[in-house]
Amino acid sequence: MNLNLSNLPGGSCAALVAAALLVTSCSGSGGSAQKKGAAGPAQVGYVVVQPSNVPMVTELSGRVTAFQTSEVRPQVAGIVQRRMFTEGSIVRAGQTLYQIDPSLYQAQASEAQANLQSARANAEAARVRADRYRPLAKMEAVSQQDYTDAAAQARQATAAVAQNSAQLRTAQINLRFTRVPAPITGRIGRSLVTEGALVTASQADPLAVIQRLDPIFVDIQQSSADMLALRKALAKGGLVPTSAVVRLKLEDGSEYSQTGTVEFAEVMVNENTGTVTLRARFPNPQGILLPGMFVRASFAQAIDTQAFLVPQAGLSRDPRGNATVYVVGPGNRAVARTVVAARTLGADWVVTQGLAAGDKVIVQGTANLRPDAEVRPVPYTTPQRIEATKAGQSGAAKKGG
């Protein structure tokens, strides 16, 4: 509308300008009020939390240990004639590994055999003499003392037979020990002696070492303080013990494909490290795990029956690390709640304190949320409606025009 103010007096002109400005201001403020009223409270998505059975997963360091270890040692002295295995191969229990010169022990066995035959002959002669003296002593043809001496000699000869028989068995055992067998089935390492070396039964170094690697043990170190806290928590309730299924992370960061189980825990604390050793058993069919290897073991020692799982998008932390969530309070207002969440489980935070069953935790639309702000809560699965801004709509209209 065009107004011609040139013919109006000065006062009338000023009054008309003021009236026009007032109308413009009123129309502008009314539009803002309408826009604010149309937008309303911010829409947020929430989840209703309930106590869950959450495993308390612990990750600790460990070392791989052989299931069985046996040092191959000689039990007789002699010269090694032959090595009868391939270094690094699998050997079976009872398999001959070394042959020690048996000549001396064969001679000792032959001597013991001859001594036994001689003792048996003497024993037979003494028995016959005693049998002959028995009726003669009754007839008083010989003295009773002579019969007693003959019977005693027969018993001594029988004892000599037993002694020589034991000496023969000892000689035969020593002869058998000249063939050094594998005590267990497993993978044998390098030979620590060569053919022609002199070995003795009292030497400090073994001939070789055999290790059984399937199954295999992993020794896990846990601090005594953590174990004490776990036991106290189990005693208070809210936690229940569980059979620990152990998973391994190898030195290169990859996951070991097989799972293991905890066999037992040591009954004493290491004075130097303040830790308790937990031993886990793993199958090792491909021989990936080797003794001495460093691994990371994760397993659940107990199940928390009173923990809450909150999606990670619904929890924030301040610079001090304190965890906070927003819950839908009375009057559909956002209420900030400080919680305790020390660990995660998959895509969720495990909250152990600060929430109650049935709380509506806001997990969507938290970017610009402020405490005590009015919100329009909807279930987390509800699709979020995105509205175009007024500026965007006018730009689109201009482009279309």
Protein backbone atom coordinates (compact mmCIF):
# COMPACT_ATOMS: atom_id res chain seq x y z
CA MET A 1 0.00 0.00 0.00
CA ASN A 2 1.38 3.44 -0.99
CA LEU A 3 0.61 6.50 1.22
CA ASN A 4 1.04 10.09 0.04
CA LEU A 5 2.11 12.03 3.15
CA SER A 6 3.22 15.20 1.42
CA ASN A 7 -0.15 16.97 1.87
CA LEU A 8 -0.55 16.08 5.58
CA PRO A 9 0.50 18.30 8.44
CA GLY A 10 3.70 17.42 10.34
CA GLY A 11 1.92 16.07 13.44
CA SER A 12 -0.45 13.90 11.43
CA CYS A 13 2.46 12.48 9.47
CA ALA A 14 4.33 11.46 12.60
CA ALA A 15 1.23 9.79 14.02
CA LEU A 16 0.72 7.69 10.91
CA VAL A 17 4.36 6.50 10.89
CA ALA A 18 4.12 5.44 14.52
CA ALA A 19 0.92 3.52 13.85
CA ALA A 20 2.50 1.69 10.93
CA LEU A 21 5.51 0.63 13.00
CA LEU A 22 3.23 -0.63 15.78
CA VAL A 23 1.22 -2.77 13.36
CA THR A 24 4.39 -4.22 11.88
CA SER A 25 5.81 -5.06 15.32
CA CYS A 26 2.64 -6.77 16.44
CA SER A 27 2.42 -8.91 13.33
CA GLY A 28 6.08 -9.98 13.66
CA SER A 29 5.78 -10.97 17.32
CA GLY A 30 2.64 -12.93 16.61
CA GLY A 31 4.40 -14.97 13.92
CA SER A 32 7.25 -15.87 16.31
CA ALA A 33 4.78 -16.97 18.94
CA GLN A 34 2.98 -19.14 16.44
CA LYS A 35 6.25 -20.72 15.31
CA LYS A 36 7.31 -21.53 18.89
CA GLY A 37 3.98 -22.97 19.72
CA ALA A 38 3.98 -25.14 16.63
CA ALA A 39 7.44 -26.61 17.39
CA GLY A 40 6.62 -27.60 21.00
CA PRO A 41 8.92 -29.77 23.24
CA ALA A 42 11.77 -31.69 21.64
CA GLN A 43 11.02 -35.30 20.75
CA VAL A 44 13.35 -37.80 22.44
CA GLY A 45 13.58 -41.57 22.24
CA TYR A 46 13.81 -43.62 25.44
CA VAL A 47 14.31 -47.20 26.58
CA VAL A 48 12.81 -48.73 29.70
CA VAL A 49 15.62 -50.38 31.66
CA GLN A 50 15.24 -53.52 33.72
CA PRO A 51 17.82 -55.51 35.73
CA SER A 52 19.68 -57.99 33.53
CA ASN A 53 22.00 -60.94 34.07
CA VAL A 54 25.28 -59.38 32.98
CA PRO A 55 28.51 -61.41 33.06
CA MET A 56 31.42 -59.68 34.79
CA VAL A 57 34.06 -60.06 32.11
CA THR A 58 37.68 -59.71 33.21
CA GLU A 59 40.67 -59.36 30.89
CA LEU A 60 44.02 -60.44 32.31
CA SER A 61 47.48 -61.33 31.04
CA GLY A 62 48.71 -64.90 30.91
CA ARG A 63 51.46 -67.22 29.76
CA VAL A 64 51.09 -70.46 27.85
CA THR A 65 52.36 -73.56 29.67
CA ALA A 66 52.75 -77.10 28.35
CA PHE A 67 50.14 -79.61 29.49
CA GLN A 68 52.90 -82.11 30.32
CA THR A 69 56.68 -81.67 30.39
CA SER A 70 59.17 -84.50 30.75
CA GLU A 71 62.97 -84.35 30.82
CA VAL A 72 64.52 -87.41 29.24
CA ARG A 73 67.32 -88.59 31.56
CA PRO A 74 69.58 -91.66 31.58
CA GLN A 75 69.23 -94.14 34.44
CA VAL A 76 72.52 -95.95 33.75
CA ALA A 77 75.98 -94.77 32.76
CA GLY A 78 77.51 -95.44 29.38
CA ILE A 79 78.36 -94.21 25.91
CA VAL A 80 75.49 -93.10 23.65
CA GLN A 81 75.62 -95.31 20.56
CA ARG A 82 72.58 -94.03 18.62
CA ARG A 83 69.96 -91.27 18.62
CA MET A 84 66.72 -92.83 17.39
CA PHE A 85 64.36 -89.87 16.84
CA THR A 86 64.00 -86.76 14.69
CA GLU A 87 64.38 -83.50 16.55
CA GLY A 88 61.13 -81.52 16.74
CA SER A 89 58.94 -84.51 15.89
CA ILE A 90 56.11 -86.17 17.81
CA VAL A 91 57.26 -89.14 19.90
CA ARG A 92 55.10 -91.75 21.60
CA ALA A 93 55.32 -92.96 25.18
CA GLY A 94 57.67 -95.95 25.35
CA GLN A 95 59.40 -95.16 22.05
CA THR A 96 63.18 -95.67 22.23
CA LEU A 97 65.03 -92.37 21.93
CA TYR A 98 68.67 -93.29 22.69
CA GLN A 99 70.70 -96.48 22.73
CA ILE A 100 73.45 -96.64 25.36
CA ASP A 101 76.26 -99.22 24.96
CA PRO A 102 74.76 -102.38 26.56
CA SER A 103 77.90 -104.58 26.62
CA LEU A 104 78.73 -104.14 30.32
CA TYR A 105 75.12 -104.65 31.40
CA GLN A 106 74.72 -107.77 29.27
CA ALA A 107 77.74 -109.24 31.04
CA GLN A 108 76.32 -108.37 34.46
CA ALA A 109 73.03 -109.99 33.56
CA SER A 110 74.80 -113.16 32.40
CA GLU A 111 76.81 -113.27 35.65
CA ALA A 112 73.67 -112.87 37.72
CA GLN A 113 72.00 -115.65 35.76
CA ALA A 114 74.94 -118.01 36.50
CA ASN A 115 74.95 -117.11 40.20
CA LEU A 116 71.27 -117.90 40.36
CA GLN A 117 71.79 -121.33 38.81
CA SER A 118 74.59 -122.07 41.31
CA ALA A 119 72.39 -121.00 44.21
CA ARG A 120 69.58 -123.22 43.01
CA ALA A 121 71.97 -126.21 42.85
CA ASN A 122 73.23 -125.61 46.40
CA ALA A 123 69.70 -125.21 47.63
CA GLU A 124 68.69 -128.55 46.11
CA ALA A 125 71.65 -130.36 47.74
CA ALA A 126 70.90 -128.77 51.13
CA ARG A 127 67.22 -129.74 50.91
CA VAL A 128 68.04 -133.37 50.09
CA ARG A 129 70.52 -133.57 53.00
CA ALA A 130 67.95 -132.22 55.43
CA ASP A 131 65.32 -134.66 54.16
CA ARG A 132 67.71 -137.61 54.74
CA TYR A 133 68.61 -136.47 58.24
CA ARG A 134 64.98 -136.21 59.33
CA PRO A 135 64.22 -140.00 59.70
CA LEU A 136 67.72 -140.71 60.97
CA ALA A 137 67.28 -138.17 63.72
CA LYS A 138 64.01 -139.86 64.78
CA MET A 139 65.84 -143.22 64.92
CA GLU A 140 68.68 -141.48 66.81
CA ALA A 141 71.09 -142.64 64.10
CA VAL A 142 72.35 -139.07 63.91
CA SER A 143 72.21 -136.43 66.52
CA GLN A 144 69.32 -134.01 66.62
CA GLN A 145 71.81 -131.16 66.27
CA ASP A 146 73.09 -132.52 62.97
CA TYR A 147 69.56 -132.55 61.60
CA THR A 148 68.94 -129.02 62.86
CA ASP A 149 72.11 -127.78 61.13
CA ALA A 150 71.16 -129.50 57.85
CA ALA A 151 67.66 -127.96 57.92
CA ALA A 152 69.15 -124.51 58.57
CA GLN A 153 71.56 -124.90 55.67
CA ALA A 154 68.65 -125.82 53.39
CA ARG A 155 66.76 -122.68 54.37
CA GLN A 156 69.88 -120.52 53.85
CA ALA A 157 70.34 -122.00 50.40
CA THR A 158 66.72 -121.18 49.55
CA ALA A 159 67.30 -117.57 50.67
CA ALA A 160 70.43 -117.41 48.52
CA VAL A 161 68.31 -118.40 45.54
CA ALA A 162 65.95 -115.49 46.22
CA GLN A 163 68.89 -113.08 46.58
CA ASN A 164 70.47 -114.15 43.32
CA SER A 165 67.09 -113.97 41.60
CA ALA A 166 66.73 -110.32 42.71
CA GLN A 167 70.25 -109.56 41.48
CA LEU A 168 69.35 -111.05 38.12
CA ARG A 169 66.24 -108.86 37.88
CA THR A 170 68.36 -105.80 38.74
CA ALA A 171 70.86 -106.66 36.03
CA GLN A 172 68.06 -107.19 33.52
CA ILE A 173 66.49 -103.81 34.42
CA ASN A 174 69.84 -102.05 33.98
CA LEU A 175 70.23 -103.75 30.63
CA ARG A 176 66.77 -102.54 29.62
CA PHE A 177 67.69 -99.00 30.72
CA THR A 178 70.38 -98.89 28.05
CA ARG A 179 67.46 -98.19 25.69
CA VAL A 180 66.20 -94.77 26.86
CA PRO A 181 62.40 -94.54 26.24
CA ALA A 182 60.07 -91.54 25.93
CA PRO A 183 58.20 -91.11 29.24
CA ILE A 184 55.21 -89.33 27.62
CA THR A 185 53.70 -88.66 24.21
CA GLY A 186 54.48 -85.21 22.90
CA ARG A 187 56.76 -83.04 20.79
CA ILE A 188 60.43 -83.51 21.50
CA GLY A 189 62.93 -80.67 21.25
CA ARG A 190 66.54 -80.72 20.16
CA SER A 191 68.90 -83.38 21.44
CA LEU A 192 71.29 -82.09 24.10
CA VAL A 193 73.78 -84.94 23.61
CA THR A 194 75.36 -86.48 20.53
CA GLU A 195 76.38 -89.98 19.65
CA GLY A 196 79.58 -90.92 21.46
CA ALA A 197 78.85 -88.79 24.52
CA LEU A 198 79.27 -90.26 27.99
CA VAL A 199 76.11 -90.05 30.09
CA THR A 200 75.54 -90.90 33.75
CA ALA A 201 72.49 -91.45 35.91
CA SER A 202 73.39 -88.48 38.15
CA GLN A 203 74.11 -85.86 35.47
CA ALA A 204 72.43 -82.43 35.78
CA ASP A 205 71.44 -81.91 32.13
CA PRO A 206 68.70 -83.97 30.47
CA LEU A 207 69.19 -85.70 27.14
CA ALA A 208 66.12 -83.96 25.64
CA VAL A 209 62.80 -82.41 26.69
CA ILE A 210 59.34 -83.63 25.63
CA GLN A 211 56.27 -81.40 25.90
CA ARG A 212 52.64 -82.28 25.36
CA LEU A 213 50.95 -79.32 23.64
CA ASP A 214 47.41 -80.59 23.00
CA PRO A 215 45.63 -79.77 25.23
CA ILE A 216 47.62 -76.90 26.70
CA PHE A 217 47.48 -74.69 29.79
CA VAL A 218 47.37 -70.90 30.11
CA ASP A 219 48.42 -69.50 33.49
CA ILE A 220 46.50 -66.27 34.16
CA GLN A 221 47.60 -63.75 36.79
CA GLN A 222 44.91 -61.96 38.83
CA SER A 223 45.62 -59.56 41.68
CA SER A 224 44.70 -60.81 45.12
CA ALA A 225 42.79 -57.54 45.76
CA ASP A 226 40.48 -58.14 42.78
CA MET A 227 39.85 -61.73 43.85
CA LEU A 228 39.07 -60.58 47.41
CA ALA A 229 36.61 -57.96 46.12
CA LEU A 230 34.91 -60.60 43.96
CA ARG A 231 34.50 -62.96 46.89
CA LYS A 232 33.05 -60.20 49.06
CA ALA A 233 30.59 -59.29 46.30
CA LEU A 234 29.54 -62.92 45.98
CA ALA A 235 29.00 -63.10 49.73
CA LYS A 236 26.81 -59.96 49.76
CA GLY A 237 24.52 -61.24 47.02
CA GLY A 238 23.57 -59.81 43.66
CA LEU A 239 26.37 -61.82 42.06
CA VAL A 240 26.28 -65.51 41.28
CA PRO A 241 29.30 -67.61 40.30
CA THR A 242 29.55 -69.00 36.80
CA SER A 243 31.68 -71.51 34.93
CA ALA A 244 34.40 -69.43 33.33
CA VAL A 245 34.66 -69.80 29.55
CA VAL A 246 37.96 -68.21 28.58
CA ARG A 247 38.80 -66.52 25.28
CA LEU A 248 42.31 -65.61 24.21
CA LYS A 249 43.84 -62.73 22.31
CA LEU A 250 47.21 -63.62 20.80
CA GLU A 251 50.37 -61.51 20.65
CA ASP A 252 49.52 -60.16 17.21
CA GLY A 253 46.09 -58.97 18.40
CA SER A 254 44.11 -61.75 16.71
CA GLU A 255 41.53 -63.89 18.50
CA TYR A 256 42.28 -67.55 19.20
CA SER A 257 39.57 -69.68 17.62
CA GLN A 258 39.21 -72.16 20.52
CA THR A 259 37.74 -71.44 23.95
CA GLY A 260 38.98 -72.84 27.22
CA THR A 261 37.82 -73.37 30.79
CA VAL A 262 39.38 -72.44 34.13
CA GLU A 263 40.65 -75.59 35.84
CA PHE A 264 41.59 -74.21 39.27
CA ALA A 265 43.09 -71.27 41.17
CA GLU A 266 46.22 -71.37 43.32
CA VAL A 267 45.68 -71.44 47.08
CA MET A 268 48.48 -68.98 47.78
CA VAL A 269 49.46 -65.46 46.72
CA ASN A 270 52.79 -64.78 45.04
CA GLU A 271 54.77 -62.66 47.50
CA ASN A 272 56.69 -60.83 44.77
CA THR A 273 53.78 -59.87 42.50
CA GLY A 274 50.75 -60.01 44.82
CA THR A 275 48.85 -62.12 42.30
CA VAL A 276 47.04 -65.45 42.25
CA THR A 277 47.50 -67.85 39.35
CA LEU A 278 44.42 -69.16 37.56
CA ARG A 279 45.04 -72.09 35.21
CA ALA A 280 42.87 -72.48 32.09
CA ARG A 281 42.88 -75.45 29.73
CA PHE A 282 42.60 -75.04 25.94
CA PRO A 283 42.51 -77.43 22.99
CA ASN A 284 45.48 -76.85 20.70
CA PRO A 285 45.05 -79.19 17.71
CA GLN A 286 46.99 -76.99 15.27
CA GLY A 287 49.81 -76.20 17.67
CA ILE A 288 49.25 -72.42 17.50
CA LEU A 289 49.79 -71.96 21.23
CA LEU A 290 53.40 -72.57 22.28
CA PRO A 291 54.88 -72.66 25.81
CA GLY A 292 56.07 -69.26 26.96
CA MET A 293 53.77 -67.30 24.62
CA PHE A 294 52.18 -64.13 26.07
CA VAL A 295 48.38 -63.86 25.68
CA ARG A 296 45.43 -61.83 26.97
CA ALA A 297 42.61 -63.86 28.50
CA SER A 298 39.04 -62.61 28.95
CA PHE A 299 36.47 -64.55 30.94
CA ALA A 300 33.46 -64.10 33.24
CA GLN A 301 34.02 -64.99 36.89
CA ALA A 302 30.49 -64.11 38.02
CA ILE A 303 27.11 -62.84 36.79
CA ASP A 304 25.67 -59.56 38.07
CA THR A 305 21.91 -60.03 38.38
CA GLN A 306 21.20 -56.39 39.27
CA ALA A 307 22.97 -54.49 36.49
CA PHE A 308 21.31 -52.39 33.78
CA LEU A 309 22.30 -52.28 30.10
CA VAL A 310 22.11 -48.78 28.61
CA PRO A 311 22.90 -48.05 24.94
CA GLN A 312 26.14 -46.11 24.66
CA ALA A 313 24.36 -43.18 22.95
CA GLY A 314 22.42 -42.49 26.14
CA LEU A 315 25.44 -42.01 28.44
CA SER A 316 27.85 -39.08 28.55
CA ARG A 317 30.85 -38.24 30.70
CA ASP A 318 32.16 -34.97 32.09
CA PRO A 319 35.87 -34.00 32.04
CA ARG A 320 36.35 -35.85 35.34
CA GLY A 321 34.97 -39.06 33.89
CA ASN A 322 31.68 -39.05 35.82
CA ALA A 323 28.89 -40.78 33.90
CA THR A 324 25.49 -39.13 33.42
CA VAL A 325 22.23 -40.21 31.78
CA TYR A 326 18.93 -38.41 31.23
CA VAL A 327 15.70 -40.04 32.34
CA VAL A 328 12.12 -38.99 31.68
CA GLY A 329 10.92 -37.44 34.93
CA PRO A 330 7.51 -36.19 36.17
CA GLY A 331 5.78 -33.86 33.77
CA ASN A 332 7.83 -35.24 30.84
CA ARG A 333 10.92 -33.32 31.89
CA ALA A 334 14.50 -34.47 31.38
CA VAL A 335 16.18 -35.34 34.67
CA ALA A 336 19.98 -35.78 34.79
CA ARG A 337 21.06 -38.84 36.74
CA THR A 338 24.66 -39.61 37.84
CA VAL A 339 25.40 -43.33 37.42
CA VAL A 340 28.26 -45.79 37.82
CA ALA A 341 29.27 -47.45 34.54
CA ALA A 342 32.78 -48.88 34.64
CA ARG A 343 32.63 -51.19 31.62
CA THR A 344 30.80 -52.01 28.42
CA LEU A 345 29.18 -55.14 27.08
CA GLY A 346 28.89 -55.04 23.31
CA ALA A 347 27.08 -51.80 22.33
CA ASP A 348 25.80 -51.10 25.87
CA TRP A 349 27.17 -49.59 29.06
CA VAL A 350 26.82 -51.76 32.16
CA VAL A 351 25.30 -49.49 34.84
CA THR A 352 25.64 -50.85 38.37
CA GLN A 353 24.42 -47.83 40.37
CA GLY A 354 22.11 -44.85 39.79
CA LEU A 355 19.16 -46.47 38.00
CA ALA A 356 16.03 -48.28 39.10
CA ALA A 357 13.83 -50.81 37.36
CA GLY A 358 11.38 -49.11 35.00
CA ASP A 359 13.36 -45.90 34.49
CA LYS A 360 12.96 -44.37 31.04
CA VAL A 361 16.49 -43.56 29.90
CA ILE A 362 16.72 -41.10 27.02
CA VAL A 363 19.02 -42.49 24.32
CA GLN A 364 17.92 -40.43 21.29
CA GLY A 365 17.82 -36.67 20.88
CA THR A 366 20.30 -35.92 23.67
CA ALA A 367 22.54 -33.55 21.68
CA ASN A 368 20.98 -30.30 22.91
CA LEU A 369 19.18 -31.69 25.95
CA ARG A 370 19.35 -29.66 29.16
CA PRO A 371 18.33 -30.60 32.72
CA ASP A 372 14.65 -30.00 33.54
CA ALA A 373 13.84 -29.32 29.86
CA GLU A 374 10.37 -30.30 28.73
CA VAL A 375 10.47 -33.20 26.26
CA ARG A 376 8.08 -35.29 24.22
CA PRO A 377 9.18 -38.90 24.95
CA VAL A 378 8.59 -41.70 22.46
CA PRO A 379 9.93 -45.27 22.42
CA TYR A 380 13.45 -45.59 21.04
CA THR A 381 12.20 -47.54 18.02
CA THR A 382 9.90 -44.70 16.89
CA PRO A 383 11.19 -43.08 13.66
CA GLN A 384 12.41 -39.52 14.18
CA ARG A 385 10.53 -36.83 12.19
CA ILE A 386 12.80 -34.29 10.53
CA GLU A 387 11.06 -30.98 9.68
CA ALA A 388 12.42 -28.51 7.11
CA THR A 389 13.29 -25.04 8.41
CA LYS A 390 11.44 -21.95 7.27
CA ALA A 391 14.54 -20.66 5.52
CA GLY A 392 14.95 -23.96 3.73
CA GLN A 393 11.33 -23.95 2.64
CA SER A 394 11.54 -20.37 1.27
CA GLY A 395 14.76 -21.24 -0.55
CA ALA A 396 13.11 -24.25 -2.13
CA ALA A 397 10.13 -22.06 -3.17
CA LYS A 398 12.38 -19.52 -4.80
CA LYS A 399 14.23 -22.26 -6.65
CA GLY A 400 10.97 -23.72 -7.86
CA GLY A 401 9.72 -20.27 -8.93
